[in-house]
Amino acid sequence: MKWIPLESAEQLKEIKQQAGYSIIFKHSTRCSISMMARRRFEMDWGDFPENLPLYFLDLIKFRSLSNQVAEDFQVHHESPQMLLIKEGECILDQSHGAISVEEALTMVQ
């Protein structure tokens, strides 16, 4: 699996219009908890379908985009945070130690 950098409002608009599922992972490069959550996520992400887009948002570099994610998907901003998107709607919002590839998998299969 490979991250797709999420760096623009145009990409966010495309995610909202995509058919099927996608994941947005919001990460703070200054936070050790976020670093640990990212590593745990990457250890298990091989279980996702290969065609599942995995977007990575560096919220330090793209803070305004992170705020737009929270607004567009009607979730509270957190970091780290994983959003599972289906047909343009957030169907799963997890943060910190609650980020679970296993739980997301139960929803995409």
Protein backbone atom coordinates (compact mmCIF):
# COMPACT_ATOMS: atom_id res chain seq x y z
CA MET A 1 0.00 0.00 0.00
CA LYS A 2 1.09 3.56 -0.53
CA TRP A 3 -0.02 6.92 0.83
CA ILE A 4 -1.54 9.53 -1.45
CA PRO A 5 -0.51 12.95 -0.11
CA LEU A 6 -3.58 15.11 0.56
CA GLU A 7 -2.43 18.64 -0.17
CA SER A 8 -5.24 20.55 -1.84
CA ALA A 9 -8.89 21.49 -1.54
CA GLU A 10 -9.37 20.13 -5.08
CA GLN A 11 -8.29 16.66 -3.90
CA LEU A 12 -10.73 16.91 -1.01
CA LYS A 13 -13.50 17.76 -3.44
CA GLU A 14 -12.57 14.69 -5.52
CA ILE A 15 -12.67 12.46 -2.43
CA LYS A 16 -16.18 13.70 -1.67
CA GLN A 17 -17.26 12.78 -5.22
CA GLN A 18 -15.56 9.37 -5.39
CA ALA A 19 -17.63 6.22 -5.60
CA GLY A 20 -16.79 3.59 -3.01
CA TYR A 21 -14.48 3.95 -0.04
CA SER A 22 -11.41 5.99 0.78
CA ILE A 23 -9.46 6.76 3.94
CA ILE A 24 -8.03 10.03 5.18
CA PHE A 25 -5.33 9.75 7.83
CA LYS A 26 -4.55 13.05 9.58
CA HIS A 27 -1.11 13.12 11.14
CA SER A 28 0.85 15.60 13.23
CA THR A 29 4.56 15.35 12.50
CA ARG A 30 5.25 16.96 15.92
CA CYS A 31 3.37 14.40 18.01
CA SER A 32 4.78 11.10 19.26
CA ILE A 33 1.26 9.67 19.76
CA SER A 34 0.46 10.46 16.15
CA MET A 35 3.72 8.82 15.06
CA MET A 36 2.86 5.67 17.00
CA ALA A 37 -0.70 5.56 15.57
CA ARG A 38 0.69 5.93 12.05
CA ARG A 39 3.15 3.06 12.54
CA ARG A 40 0.42 0.78 13.93
CA PHE A 41 -1.87 1.70 11.03
CA GLU A 42 0.85 1.01 8.44
CA MET A 43 1.62 -2.39 10.01
CA ASP A 44 -1.95 -3.55 9.29
CA TRP A 45 -2.91 -1.63 6.17
CA GLY A 46 -1.97 -4.54 3.91
CA ASP A 47 -5.32 -6.08 4.85
CA PHE A 48 -7.21 -3.31 3.00
CA PRO A 49 -8.30 -3.90 -0.60
CA GLU A 50 -5.52 -2.79 -2.96
CA ASN A 51 -7.80 -0.31 -4.72
CA LEU A 52 -8.71 1.55 -1.51
CA PRO A 53 -7.25 5.08 -1.71
CA LEU A 54 -5.30 6.00 1.43
CA TYR A 55 -4.85 9.76 1.78
CA PHE A 56 -2.24 11.17 4.15
CA LEU A 57 -2.72 14.69 5.50
CA ASP A 58 0.20 16.39 7.25
CA LEU A 59 -1.86 18.72 9.36
CA ILE A 60 1.12 20.83 10.39
CA LYS A 61 1.85 21.78 6.77
CA PHE A 62 -1.81 21.88 5.72
CA ARG A 63 -3.68 23.12 8.79
CA SER A 64 -6.37 24.95 6.81
CA LEU A 65 -7.01 21.81 4.76
CA SER A 66 -7.30 19.83 8.00
CA ASN A 67 -9.91 22.32 9.19
CA GLN A 68 -11.75 21.92 5.89
CA VAL A 69 -11.76 18.12 6.33
CA ALA A 70 -13.40 18.57 9.74
CA GLU A 71 -15.98 20.94 8.31
CA ASP A 72 -16.73 18.98 5.11
CA PHE A 73 -17.14 15.65 6.90
CA GLN A 74 -18.74 17.11 10.03
CA VAL A 75 -16.21 15.67 12.48
CA HIS A 76 -14.34 17.21 15.37
CA HIS A 77 -10.69 17.93 14.47
CA GLU A 78 -8.31 15.53 16.19
CA SER A 79 -4.79 14.27 15.64
CA PRO A 80 -4.03 11.60 14.81
CA GLN A 81 -7.34 10.85 13.14
CA MET A 82 -8.59 8.36 10.60
CA LEU A 83 -11.74 8.94 8.57
CA LEU A 84 -13.35 6.22 6.51
CA ILE A 85 -15.26 7.84 3.67
CA LYS A 86 -17.97 6.08 1.66
CA GLU A 87 -19.67 7.79 -1.28
CA GLY A 88 -18.55 11.20 0.03
CA GLU A 89 -19.74 10.69 3.63
CA CYS A 90 -17.65 9.94 6.71
CA ILE A 91 -18.90 6.63 8.11
CA LEU A 92 -16.13 6.07 10.66
CA ASP A 93 -14.12 8.64 12.63
CA GLN A 94 -11.37 7.37 14.93
CA SER A 95 -8.58 9.10 16.77
CA HIS A 96 -5.53 8.39 18.90
CA GLY A 97 -5.40 4.81 20.23
CA ALA A 98 -8.85 4.03 18.86
CA ILE A 99 -7.58 4.05 15.25
CA SER A 100 -8.24 0.51 14.07
CA VAL A 101 -7.61 -1.01 10.66
CA GLU A 102 -9.56 -4.04 11.87
CA GLU A 103 -12.72 -2.03 12.57
CA ALA A 104 -12.45 -0.15 9.27
CA LEU A 105 -12.08 -3.49 7.47
CA THR A 106 -15.40 -4.71 8.85
CA MET A 107 -17.04 -1.76 7.11
CA VAL A 108 -15.35 -2.02 3.69
CA GLN A 109 -15.88 -5.73 3.13
